[in-house]
N, C-alpha and C. Protein backbone atom coordinates (compact mmCIF):
# COMPACT_ATOMS: atom_id res chain seq x y z
N MET A 1 -16.14 -8.00 -4.79
CA MET A 1 -15.63 -6.66 -4.36
C MET A 1 -16.24 -5.82 -3.15
N TYR A 2 -15.66 -4.73 -2.17
CA TYR A 2 -15.90 -4.49 -1.45
C TYR A 2 -16.02 -2.83 -2.01
N ALA A 3 -16.61 -2.15 -1.26
CA ALA A 3 -16.92 -0.48 -1.17
C ALA A 3 -16.43 -0.26 0.02
N ILE A 4 -15.72 1.31 0.66
CA ILE A 4 -15.60 1.66 1.44
C ILE A 4 -16.10 3.36 1.81
N TYR A 5 -17.18 3.60 2.35
CA TYR A 5 -17.66 4.32 2.88
C TYR A 5 -17.43 5.26 3.69
N ASP A 6 -17.22 6.54 3.67
CA ASP A 6 -16.59 7.30 4.85
C ASP A 6 -17.74 8.26 5.63
N LEU A 7 -18.20 7.58 6.51
CA LEU A 7 -19.14 8.15 7.33
C LEU A 7 -19.44 9.57 7.73
N LYS A 8 -17.76 10.00 8.16
CA LYS A 8 -17.64 11.23 8.69
C LYS A 8 -17.74 12.52 7.53
N SER A 9 -17.99 11.77 5.91
CA SER A 9 -17.85 12.93 5.00
C SER A 9 -18.87 12.66 4.78
N LYS A 10 -20.00 12.90 4.97
CA LYS A 10 -21.49 12.13 4.09
C LYS A 10 -21.56 10.88 3.91
N GLU A 11 -20.99 10.14 3.73
CA GLU A 11 -21.21 8.83 3.58
C GLU A 11 -20.94 8.99 2.12
N GLN A 12 -19.51 9.69 1.95
CA GLN A 12 -18.89 9.67 0.47
C GLN A 12 -18.32 8.20 0.15
N CYS A 13 -18.43 7.59 -0.91
CA CYS A 13 -17.79 6.80 -1.16
C CYS A 13 -16.13 6.77 -1.40
N ILE A 14 -15.28 6.22 -1.03
CA ILE A 14 -13.89 6.75 -1.49
C ILE A 14 -13.00 5.43 -1.89
N GLY A 15 -13.60 4.26 -2.34
CA GLY A 15 -12.87 3.12 -2.79
C GLY A 15 -13.82 2.00 -3.05
N ILE A 16 -13.99 1.35 -4.23
CA ILE A 16 -14.24 0.08 -4.24
C ILE A 16 -12.74 -0.75 -4.60
N PHE A 17 -13.05 -2.01 -3.98
CA PHE A 17 -11.73 -2.68 -4.45
C PHE A 17 -12.44 -4.50 -5.04
N ASP A 18 -11.68 -5.05 -6.07
CA ASP A 18 -11.77 -6.23 -6.39
C ASP A 18 -11.68 -7.13 -5.21
N TYR A 19 -10.51 -6.84 -3.98
CA TYR A 19 -10.30 -7.96 -3.26
C TYR A 19 -10.09 -7.63 -1.98
N ARG A 20 -10.40 -8.32 -0.89
CA ARG A 20 -10.48 -7.96 0.38
C ARG A 20 -9.27 -7.32 1.08
N LYS A 21 -8.33 -8.14 0.51
CA LYS A 21 -6.83 -7.94 0.89
C LYS A 21 -6.06 -6.05 0.45
N ASP A 22 -6.69 -5.82 -0.78
CA ASP A 22 -6.42 -4.37 -1.58
C ASP A 22 -7.44 -3.36 -0.52
N ALA A 23 -8.55 -3.64 -0.02
CA ALA A 23 -9.31 -2.85 0.78
C ALA A 23 -8.59 -2.56 2.23
N ALA A 24 -8.15 -3.71 2.77
CA ALA A 24 -7.44 -3.44 3.79
C ALA A 24 -6.25 -3.26 3.97
N ASP A 25 -5.47 -3.12 3.05
CA ASP A 25 -4.36 -2.42 2.62
C ASP A 25 -4.64 -0.87 2.59
N TYR A 26 -5.62 -0.39 1.81
CA TYR A 26 -5.62 0.82 1.87
C TYR A 26 -6.06 1.39 3.20
N LEU A 27 -6.86 0.66 4.11
CA LEU A 27 -6.85 1.51 4.90
C LEU A 27 -6.33 1.24 6.36
N GLY A 28 -5.10 0.11 5.93
CA GLY A 28 -3.66 -0.14 6.96
C GLY A 28 -4.51 -0.76 7.97
N ILE A 29 -4.86 -1.81 7.83
CA ILE A 29 -5.33 -2.64 8.66
C ILE A 29 -5.38 -4.26 7.97
N HIS A 30 -5.08 -5.37 8.82
CA HIS A 30 -5.33 -6.62 8.18
C HIS A 30 -6.39 -7.43 7.74
N LYS A 31 -6.10 -8.16 6.43
CA LYS A 31 -7.65 -8.36 6.08
C LYS A 31 -8.42 -9.37 6.60
N ASP A 32 -7.72 -10.11 7.84
CA ASP A 32 -8.98 -10.21 9.21
C ASP A 32 -9.90 -9.84 9.88
N SER A 33 -9.19 -8.60 10.15
CA SER A 33 -9.79 -7.28 11.27
C SER A 33 -11.13 -6.96 10.09
N LEU A 34 -10.70 -6.68 8.35
CA LEU A 34 -11.64 -6.37 7.86
C LEU A 34 -13.04 -7.06 7.84
N SER A 35 -12.50 -8.60 7.83
CA SER A 35 -13.44 -8.91 7.54
C SER A 35 -14.33 -9.20 8.71
N ARG A 36 -13.81 -9.29 9.99
CA ARG A 36 -14.66 -9.07 11.35
C ARG A 36 -15.65 -8.03 11.48
N CYS A 37 -15.17 -6.98 11.22
CA CYS A 37 -15.97 -5.72 10.86
C CYS A 37 -17.28 -5.89 10.02
N ILE A 38 -16.81 -6.79 8.68
CA ILE A 38 -17.97 -6.70 7.71
C ILE A 38 -19.11 -7.73 8.76
N GLN A 39 -18.81 -9.05 9.40
CA GLN A 39 -19.46 -9.83 10.00
C GLN A 39 -20.10 -9.11 11.01
N LYS A 40 -19.80 -8.27 11.76
CA LYS A 40 -20.30 -7.60 12.61
C LYS A 40 -20.43 -6.56 12.53
N LYS A 41 -20.57 -6.02 11.36
CA LYS A 41 -20.80 -5.01 11.22
C LYS A 41 -20.33 -3.38 11.83
N GLN A 42 -19.69 -3.63 11.89
CA GLN A 42 -18.58 -2.42 12.98
C GLN A 42 -17.69 -1.65 11.87
N LEU A 43 -17.82 -0.24 12.71
CA LEU A 43 -17.33 0.71 11.85
C LEU A 43 -15.71 0.26 11.94
N ILE A 44 -14.60 0.79 10.95
CA ILE A 44 -13.48 0.78 11.15
C ILE A 44 -12.81 2.17 11.53
N LYS A 45 -11.79 2.20 12.09
CA LYS A 45 -11.59 3.85 12.75
C LYS A 45 -12.53 4.33 13.32
N ASN A 46 -13.57 4.23 13.75
CA ASN A 46 -14.98 4.73 14.02
C ASN A 46 -15.80 5.46 12.51
N ARG A 47 -15.48 5.38 11.63
CA ARG A 47 -15.43 6.13 10.52
C ARG A 47 -15.80 5.66 9.36
N TYR A 48 -15.12 4.51 8.97
CA TYR A 48 -15.43 3.76 7.57
C TYR A 48 -16.24 2.47 7.42
N GLU A 49 -17.21 2.65 6.95
CA GLU A 49 -18.11 1.32 6.68
C GLU A 49 -17.63 0.67 5.15
N ILE A 50 -17.53 -0.72 5.57
CA ILE A 50 -16.99 -1.51 4.46
C ILE A 50 -18.49 -2.03 4.17
N VAL A 51 -18.84 -2.45 3.01
CA VAL A 51 -19.76 -3.41 2.47
C VAL A 51 -19.58 -3.95 1.15
N LYS A 52 -19.59 -5.33 1.49
CA LYS A 52 -19.38 -6.53 0.70
C LYS A 52 -20.40 -6.31 -1.05
N ILE A 53 -20.03 -6.30 -1.97
CA ILE A 53 -20.67 -5.95 -3.20
C ILE A 53 -21.09 -7.35 -4.00
N LYS A 54 -22.39 -8.04 -3.94
CA LYS A 54 -22.74 -9.20 -4.09
C LYS A 54 -22.59 -9.32 -6.22
N GLU A 55 -21.24 -10.03 -6.12
CA GLU A 55 -21.24 -10.14 -7.92
C GLU A 55 -22.10 -11.62 -8.58
N GLU A 56 -22.75 -11.35 -9.61
CA GLU A 56 -23.98 -12.03 -10.02
C GLU A 56 -23.56 -12.23 -11.71
C-alpha cells in the first residue's frame, strides 16, 4: 500500500492506494519513477511525498 501526502497543503493525505501503478497513474507519472522517488526519498513534482505502508 502507498500513501500520498501533499506537503504544500499542510501534509494532507490525498490518497491511499493498494498498488504502485495506481498511485503513479493518479500523479500522472510512470510507476518506475514513483519507485525511484520512494527509494531516494524525493518529492514528486516538488510537492508530493510517497510513503510505502508496510502490510503485516
